[in-house]
Amino acid sequence: MNPVVHFEMPYDDRERMATFYGAVFGWQTQMLGEEMGNYVLATTTDSDESGRPTSPGAINGGFFPQHPDWPGQHPSVVIAVDDIQASMQKVEAAGGQVLGEPMEIPGVGHYVAFTDTEGNRASMLQPLPRDEAQSE
């Protein structure tokens, strides 16, 4: 079974978004730069030094900027997979659609978004092995 390990949501104004989630839920955010697509990491639970949640079942997430030319910009979940290429083939074979090619997230792994047969956007992440991720 492949677990949900992360969530993602789009934003229009990242400062406003960070203020909202901090004030309402106490989440901590980390604003990444242009080299990381202006992504915003959201810490929703206590995490270890590598950013992995310490409470079983808890996940952290992130926010990405809205882009008028991107498909499926809705809240979604990220599912960890062992082999992203094989999982992409399974998505297509089961009637889903992979949205582009996998991209490397430095120190994290390989990521690609997809839509399921119901039009829901989700993503897959093939994480780096723990020792490789911690050495970067």
N, C-alpha and C. Protein backbone atom coordinates (compact mmCIF):
# COMPACT_ATOMS: atom_id res chain seq x y z
N MET A 1 0.83 -1.18 0.00
CA MET A 1 0.00 0.00 0.00
C MET A 1 0.89 1.25 0.00
N ASN A 2 0.51 2.27 -0.76
CA ASN A 2 1.27 3.51 -0.83
C ASN A 2 0.58 4.57 0.03
N PRO A 3 1.29 5.14 1.01
CA PRO A 3 0.66 6.09 1.94
C PRO A 3 0.62 7.53 1.42
N VAL A 4 -0.35 8.29 1.92
CA VAL A 4 -0.38 9.74 1.70
C VAL A 4 0.68 10.33 2.61
N VAL A 5 1.59 11.14 2.06
CA VAL A 5 2.71 11.66 2.84
C VAL A 5 2.79 13.19 2.87
N HIS A 6 1.91 13.86 2.11
CA HIS A 6 2.04 15.31 1.97
C HIS A 6 0.74 15.83 1.38
N PHE A 7 0.41 17.07 1.61
CA PHE A 7 -0.72 17.69 0.92
C PHE A 7 -0.21 18.93 0.21
N GLU A 8 -0.97 19.39 -0.79
CA GLU A 8 -0.62 20.61 -1.51
C GLU A 8 -1.88 21.42 -1.79
N MET A 9 -1.72 22.73 -1.77
CA MET A 9 -2.80 23.63 -2.12
C MET A 9 -2.22 24.82 -2.86
N PRO A 10 -2.98 25.40 -3.79
CA PRO A 10 -2.50 26.59 -4.49
C PRO A 10 -2.70 27.86 -3.67
N TYR A 11 -1.94 28.89 -4.01
CA TYR A 11 -2.15 30.20 -3.39
C TYR A 11 -2.08 31.29 -4.44
N ASP A 12 -2.73 32.42 -4.14
CA ASP A 12 -2.61 33.62 -4.95
C ASP A 12 -1.64 34.59 -4.30
N ASP A 13 -1.67 34.66 -2.96
CA ASP A 13 -0.83 35.59 -2.20
C ASP A 13 -0.21 34.81 -1.05
N ARG A 14 1.07 34.48 -1.17
CA ARG A 14 1.67 33.58 -0.18
C ARG A 14 1.80 34.20 1.20
N GLU A 15 2.02 35.48 1.30
CA GLU A 15 2.09 36.11 2.63
C GLU A 15 0.72 36.04 3.32
N ARG A 16 -0.33 36.35 2.57
CA ARG A 16 -1.69 36.28 3.12
C ARG A 16 -2.02 34.85 3.53
N MET A 17 -1.68 33.87 2.67
CA MET A 17 -1.94 32.47 2.96
C MET A 17 -1.21 32.03 4.23
N ALA A 18 0.08 32.38 4.34
CA ALA A 18 0.87 31.99 5.51
C ALA A 18 0.31 32.61 6.79
N THR A 19 -0.09 33.86 6.71
CA THR A 19 -0.68 34.53 7.88
C THR A 19 -1.97 33.81 8.29
N PHE A 20 -2.81 33.47 7.32
CA PHE A 20 -4.07 32.80 7.61
C PHE A 20 -3.84 31.47 8.33
N TYR A 21 -3.04 30.57 7.75
CA TYR A 21 -2.86 29.24 8.32
C TYR A 21 -2.08 29.28 9.65
N GLY A 22 -1.21 30.28 9.80
CA GLY A 22 -0.54 30.45 11.08
C GLY A 22 -1.50 30.89 12.16
N ALA A 23 -2.36 31.87 11.84
CA ALA A 23 -3.30 32.41 12.82
C ALA A 23 -4.39 31.40 13.19
N VAL A 24 -4.89 30.68 12.20
CA VAL A 24 -6.01 29.77 12.44
C VAL A 24 -5.57 28.44 13.04
N PHE A 25 -4.51 27.84 12.50
CA PHE A 25 -4.11 26.49 12.90
C PHE A 25 -2.75 26.40 13.58
N GLY A 26 -2.01 27.51 13.65
CA GLY A 26 -0.69 27.48 14.27
C GLY A 26 0.38 26.85 13.39
N TRP A 27 0.11 26.70 12.09
CA TRP A 27 1.10 26.10 11.19
C TRP A 27 2.27 27.05 10.99
N GLN A 28 3.45 26.46 10.83
CA GLN A 28 4.65 27.24 10.52
C GLN A 28 4.92 27.09 9.03
N THR A 29 5.32 28.16 8.38
CA THR A 29 5.60 28.10 6.95
C THR A 29 7.03 28.52 6.67
N GLN A 30 7.56 27.95 5.59
CA GLN A 30 8.90 28.30 5.13
C GLN A 30 8.79 28.67 3.66
N MET A 31 9.08 29.92 3.35
CA MET A 31 8.99 30.43 1.99
C MET A 31 10.25 30.06 1.21
N LEU A 32 10.07 29.26 0.17
CA LEU A 32 11.20 28.91 -0.68
C LEU A 32 11.28 29.91 -1.83
N GLY A 33 12.45 30.01 -2.43
CA GLY A 33 12.68 31.00 -3.48
C GLY A 33 12.30 30.55 -4.87
N GLU A 34 12.66 31.38 -5.83
CA GLU A 34 12.34 31.10 -7.23
C GLU A 34 12.94 29.79 -7.71
N GLU A 35 14.13 29.43 -7.19
CA GLU A 35 14.78 28.18 -7.61
C GLU A 35 13.95 26.95 -7.24
N MET A 36 13.01 27.12 -6.29
CA MET A 36 12.10 26.05 -5.89
C MET A 36 10.66 26.40 -6.25
N GLY A 37 10.49 27.25 -7.25
CA GLY A 37 9.16 27.58 -7.75
C GLY A 37 8.30 28.38 -6.80
N ASN A 38 8.93 29.12 -5.87
CA ASN A 38 8.21 29.91 -4.85
C ASN A 38 7.26 29.05 -4.02
N TYR A 39 7.64 27.80 -3.84
CA TYR A 39 6.87 26.87 -3.03
C TYR A 39 6.93 27.30 -1.57
N VAL A 40 5.90 26.99 -0.82
CA VAL A 40 5.87 27.30 0.61
C VAL A 40 5.65 25.99 1.36
N LEU A 41 6.60 25.60 2.18
CA LEU A 41 6.45 24.42 3.02
C LEU A 41 5.59 24.76 4.22
N ALA A 42 4.71 23.84 4.59
CA ALA A 42 3.84 24.04 5.75
C ALA A 42 4.09 22.93 6.75
N THR A 43 4.53 23.30 7.95
CA THR A 43 4.73 22.33 9.02
C THR A 43 3.47 22.35 9.88
N THR A 44 2.79 21.21 9.91
CA THR A 44 1.51 21.11 10.62
C THR A 44 1.60 20.27 11.89
N THR A 45 2.75 19.63 12.08
CA THR A 45 2.93 18.72 13.20
C THR A 45 4.42 18.67 13.56
N ASP A 46 4.73 18.24 14.76
CA ASP A 46 6.13 18.11 15.14
C ASP A 46 6.84 17.19 14.17
N SER A 47 8.05 17.59 13.77
CA SER A 47 8.80 16.84 12.77
C SER A 47 10.24 16.66 13.23
N ASP A 48 10.91 15.65 12.67
CA ASP A 48 12.31 15.44 12.99
C ASP A 48 13.17 16.39 12.17
N GLU A 49 14.49 16.26 12.30
CA GLU A 49 15.39 17.19 11.62
C GLU A 49 15.33 17.08 10.10
N SER A 50 14.84 15.96 9.58
CA SER A 50 14.71 15.81 8.12
C SER A 50 13.36 16.33 7.62
N GLY A 51 12.49 16.78 8.53
CA GLY A 51 11.18 17.31 8.14
C GLY A 51 10.07 16.27 8.13
N ARG A 52 10.40 15.04 8.50
CA ARG A 52 9.37 13.99 8.54
C ARG A 52 8.61 14.07 9.87
N PRO A 53 7.27 13.97 9.80
CA PRO A 53 6.47 14.03 11.03
C PRO A 53 6.85 12.94 12.02
N THR A 54 6.83 13.29 13.30
CA THR A 54 7.16 12.32 14.34
C THR A 54 5.93 11.58 14.86
N SER A 55 4.74 12.09 14.58
CA SER A 55 3.50 11.43 15.00
C SER A 55 2.99 10.53 13.89
N PRO A 56 2.74 9.25 14.17
CA PRO A 56 2.22 8.35 13.14
C PRO A 56 0.93 8.89 12.54
N GLY A 57 0.85 8.85 11.22
CA GLY A 57 -0.35 9.28 10.52
C GLY A 57 -0.42 10.76 10.22
N ALA A 58 0.42 11.56 10.84
CA ALA A 58 0.41 13.01 10.60
C ALA A 58 1.23 13.33 9.35
N ILE A 59 0.83 14.38 8.62
CA ILE A 59 1.58 14.79 7.43
C ILE A 59 1.77 16.30 7.45
N ASN A 60 2.78 16.75 6.77
CA ASN A 60 3.00 18.16 6.51
C ASN A 60 2.60 18.44 5.07
N GLY A 61 2.73 19.66 4.64
CA GLY A 61 2.30 19.96 3.29
C GLY A 61 2.99 21.16 2.70
N GLY A 62 2.38 21.70 1.68
CA GLY A 62 2.94 22.85 1.02
C GLY A 62 1.93 23.55 0.14
N PHE A 63 2.33 24.72 -0.31
CA PHE A 63 1.48 25.57 -1.15
C PHE A 63 2.29 25.98 -2.38
N PHE A 64 1.63 25.99 -3.52
CA PHE A 64 2.29 26.38 -4.76
C PHE A 64 1.54 27.57 -5.37
N PRO A 65 2.26 28.43 -6.10
CA PRO A 65 1.58 29.58 -6.71
C PRO A 65 0.65 29.15 -7.84
N GLN A 66 -0.49 29.83 -7.93
CA GLN A 66 -1.43 29.59 -9.03
C GLN A 66 -0.77 30.01 -10.34
N HIS A 67 -0.98 29.23 -11.38
CA HIS A 67 -0.48 29.55 -12.73
C HIS A 67 -1.64 29.38 -13.70
N PRO A 68 -1.94 30.41 -14.49
CA PRO A 68 -3.09 30.32 -15.40
C PRO A 68 -3.00 29.19 -16.42
N ASP A 69 -1.79 28.73 -16.74
CA ASP A 69 -1.63 27.70 -17.77
C ASP A 69 -1.41 26.29 -17.21
N TRP A 70 -1.55 26.10 -15.89
CA TRP A 70 -1.38 24.77 -15.29
C TRP A 70 -2.74 24.10 -15.12
N PRO A 71 -2.82 22.80 -15.40
CA PRO A 71 -4.09 22.09 -15.16
C PRO A 71 -4.23 21.69 -13.69
N GLY A 72 -5.46 21.49 -13.26
CA GLY A 72 -5.75 20.88 -11.96
C GLY A 72 -5.15 21.56 -10.76
N GLN A 73 -5.30 22.86 -10.63
CA GLN A 73 -4.74 23.57 -9.49
C GLN A 73 -5.76 23.61 -8.35
N HIS A 74 -5.83 22.51 -7.64
CA HIS A 74 -6.78 22.35 -6.54
C HIS A 74 -6.03 21.70 -5.37
N PRO A 75 -6.59 21.75 -4.17
CA PRO A 75 -5.97 21.01 -3.08
C PRO A 75 -5.83 19.54 -3.47
N SER A 76 -4.72 18.95 -3.10
CA SER A 76 -4.48 17.55 -3.44
C SER A 76 -3.58 16.90 -2.40
N VAL A 77 -3.45 15.61 -2.54
CA VAL A 77 -2.57 14.84 -1.67
C VAL A 77 -1.40 14.31 -2.49
N VAL A 78 -0.30 14.01 -1.80
CA VAL A 78 0.88 13.43 -2.42
C VAL A 78 1.05 12.03 -1.85
N ILE A 79 1.19 11.06 -2.74
CA ILE A 79 1.27 9.66 -2.37
C ILE A 79 2.69 9.16 -2.62
N ALA A 80 3.30 8.54 -1.61
CA ALA A 80 4.65 7.99 -1.76
C ALA A 80 4.59 6.69 -2.55
N VAL A 81 5.50 6.56 -3.52
CA VAL A 81 5.60 5.34 -4.33
C VAL A 81 7.05 4.88 -4.37
N ASP A 82 7.24 3.59 -4.60
CA ASP A 82 8.59 3.04 -4.68
C ASP A 82 9.25 3.31 -6.03
N ASP A 83 8.44 3.32 -7.09
CA ASP A 83 8.97 3.47 -8.45
C ASP A 83 8.03 4.40 -9.22
N ILE A 84 8.44 5.64 -9.42
CA ILE A 84 7.56 6.63 -10.04
C ILE A 84 7.22 6.28 -11.48
N GLN A 85 8.17 5.74 -12.23
CA GLN A 85 7.90 5.37 -13.62
C GLN A 85 6.84 4.26 -13.70
N ALA A 86 6.98 3.23 -12.88
CA ALA A 86 6.01 2.14 -12.86
C ALA A 86 4.64 2.65 -12.40
N SER A 87 4.63 3.55 -11.43
CA SER A 87 3.36 4.10 -10.94
C SER A 87 2.69 4.98 -11.99
N MET A 88 3.48 5.71 -12.77
CA MET A 88 2.92 6.50 -13.87
C MET A 88 2.23 5.58 -14.88
N GLN A 89 2.85 4.46 -15.18
CA GLN A 89 2.25 3.51 -16.12
C GLN A 89 0.95 2.95 -15.55
N LYS A 90 0.91 2.70 -14.24
CA LYS A 90 -0.30 2.19 -13.61
C LYS A 90 -1.43 3.22 -13.66
N VAL A 91 -1.09 4.51 -13.45
CA VAL A 91 -2.09 5.57 -13.53
C VAL A 91 -2.72 5.57 -14.91
N GLU A 92 -1.90 5.56 -15.95
CA GLU A 92 -2.40 5.58 -17.33
C GLU A 92 -3.22 4.33 -17.63
N ALA A 93 -2.73 3.15 -17.22
CA ALA A 93 -3.43 1.89 -17.50
C ALA A 93 -4.79 1.83 -16.81
N ALA A 94 -4.91 2.50 -15.66
CA ALA A 94 -6.17 2.47 -14.91
C ALA A 94 -7.14 3.57 -15.35
N GLY A 95 -6.73 4.39 -16.35
CA GLY A 95 -7.63 5.40 -16.87
C GLY A 95 -7.36 6.81 -16.39
N GLY A 96 -6.28 7.02 -15.62
CA GLY A 96 -5.90 8.35 -15.19
C GLY A 96 -4.99 9.02 -16.21
N GLN A 97 -4.55 10.22 -15.90
CA GLN A 97 -3.67 10.96 -16.81
C GLN A 97 -2.53 11.58 -16.01
N VAL A 98 -1.31 11.27 -16.41
CA VAL A 98 -0.13 11.87 -15.79
C VAL A 98 0.05 13.26 -16.37
N LEU A 99 0.31 14.24 -15.51
CA LEU A 99 0.42 15.64 -15.92
C LEU A 99 1.89 16.03 -16.04
N GLY A 100 2.50 15.71 -17.17
CA GLY A 100 3.90 16.07 -17.40
C GLY A 100 4.85 14.96 -17.04
N GLU A 101 6.10 15.36 -16.91
CA GLU A 101 7.18 14.43 -16.59
C GLU A 101 7.61 14.62 -15.15
N PRO A 102 8.17 13.59 -14.52
CA PRO A 102 8.64 13.75 -13.14
C PRO A 102 9.71 14.84 -13.04
N MET A 103 9.65 15.59 -11.95
CA MET A 103 10.68 16.58 -11.70
C MET A 103 11.41 16.19 -10.43
N GLU A 104 12.69 16.51 -10.40
CA GLU A 104 13.50 16.22 -9.22
C GLU A 104 13.35 17.37 -8.23
N ILE A 105 13.05 17.01 -6.98
CA ILE A 105 13.03 17.98 -5.89
C ILE A 105 14.30 17.70 -5.08
N PRO A 106 15.27 18.62 -5.12
CA PRO A 106 16.55 18.37 -4.45
C PRO A 106 16.38 17.98 -2.98
N GLY A 107 17.02 16.90 -2.60
CA GLY A 107 16.98 16.44 -1.22
C GLY A 107 15.70 15.74 -0.83
N VAL A 108 14.75 15.61 -1.76
CA VAL A 108 13.45 15.00 -1.45
C VAL A 108 13.20 13.77 -2.32
N GLY A 109 13.25 13.93 -3.64
CA GLY A 109 12.98 12.81 -4.53
C GLY A 109 12.40 13.28 -5.85
N HIS A 110 11.66 12.40 -6.53
CA HIS A 110 11.05 12.71 -7.82
C HIS A 110 9.54 12.78 -7.66
N TYR A 111 8.93 13.78 -8.31
CA TYR A 111 7.53 14.14 -8.12
C TYR A 111 6.85 14.32 -9.47
N VAL A 112 5.59 13.89 -9.56
CA VAL A 112 4.77 14.15 -10.73
C VAL A 112 3.30 14.18 -10.31
N ALA A 113 2.53 15.07 -10.92
CA ALA A 113 1.10 15.16 -10.64
C ALA A 113 0.32 14.31 -11.65
N PHE A 114 -0.92 13.96 -11.28
CA PHE A 114 -1.79 13.21 -12.17
C PHE A 114 -3.24 13.51 -11.82
N THR A 115 -4.13 13.18 -12.74
CA THR A 115 -5.55 13.21 -12.44
C THR A 115 -6.06 11.78 -12.46
N ASP A 116 -7.00 11.50 -11.56
CA ASP A 116 -7.59 10.17 -11.51
C ASP A 116 -8.79 10.10 -12.46
N THR A 117 -9.50 9.01 -12.45
CA THR A 117 -10.63 8.83 -13.36
C THR A 117 -11.81 9.75 -13.05
N GLU A 118 -11.78 10.39 -11.86
CA GLU A 118 -12.87 11.29 -11.47
C GLU A 118 -12.51 12.75 -11.66
N GLY A 119 -11.31 13.01 -12.20
CA GLY A 119 -10.87 14.38 -12.42
C GLY A 119 -10.18 15.01 -11.24
N ASN A 120 -9.92 14.23 -10.19
CA ASN A 120 -9.20 14.75 -9.02
C ASN A 120 -7.71 14.81 -9.32
N ARG A 121 -7.08 15.90 -8.89
CA ARG A 121 -5.63 16.03 -9.03
C ARG A 121 -4.98 15.48 -7.78
N ALA A 122 -3.97 14.68 -7.97
CA ALA A 122 -3.14 14.18 -6.88
C ALA A 122 -1.71 14.12 -7.42
N SER A 123 -0.78 13.73 -6.58
CA SER A 123 0.62 13.65 -6.99
C SER A 123 1.28 12.42 -6.42
N MET A 124 2.38 12.04 -7.03
CA MET A 124 3.19 10.92 -6.55
C MET A 124 4.59 11.42 -6.28
N LEU A 125 5.20 10.85 -5.26
CA LEU A 125 6.58 11.18 -4.90
C LEU A 125 7.35 9.89 -4.68
N GLN A 126 8.44 9.75 -5.40
CA GLN A 126 9.37 8.67 -5.13
C GLN A 126 10.46 9.28 -4.27
N PRO A 127 10.36 9.10 -2.93
CA PRO A 127 11.33 9.76 -2.05
C PRO A 127 12.73 9.17 -2.20
N LEU A 128 13.71 10.03 -1.95
CA LEU A 128 15.08 9.54 -1.88
C LEU A 128 15.18 8.61 -0.67
N PRO A 129 16.08 7.63 -0.73
CA PRO A 129 16.32 6.82 0.46
C PRO A 129 16.72 7.73 1.62
N ARG A 130 16.32 7.40 2.84
CA ARG A 130 16.56 8.26 4.00
C ARG A 130 18.01 8.71 4.13
N ASP A 131 18.97 7.80 3.95
CA ASP A 131 20.38 8.18 4.11
C ASP A 131 20.82 9.15 3.02
N GLU A 132 20.30 9.02 1.81
CA GLU A 132 20.63 9.94 0.73
C GLU A 132 20.02 11.32 0.95
N ALA A 133 18.77 11.35 1.43
CA ALA A 133 18.09 12.62 1.68
C ALA A 133 18.75 13.38 2.82
N GLN A 134 19.22 12.67 3.84
CA GLN A 134 19.82 13.33 4.99
C GLN A 134 21.22 13.87 4.70
N SER A 135 21.91 13.29 3.69
CA SER A 135 23.28 13.73 3.40
C SER A 135 23.31 14.97 2.53
N GLU A 136 22.16 15.37 1.97
CA GLU A 136 22.15 16.55 1.09
C GLU A 136 21.95 17.82 1.86
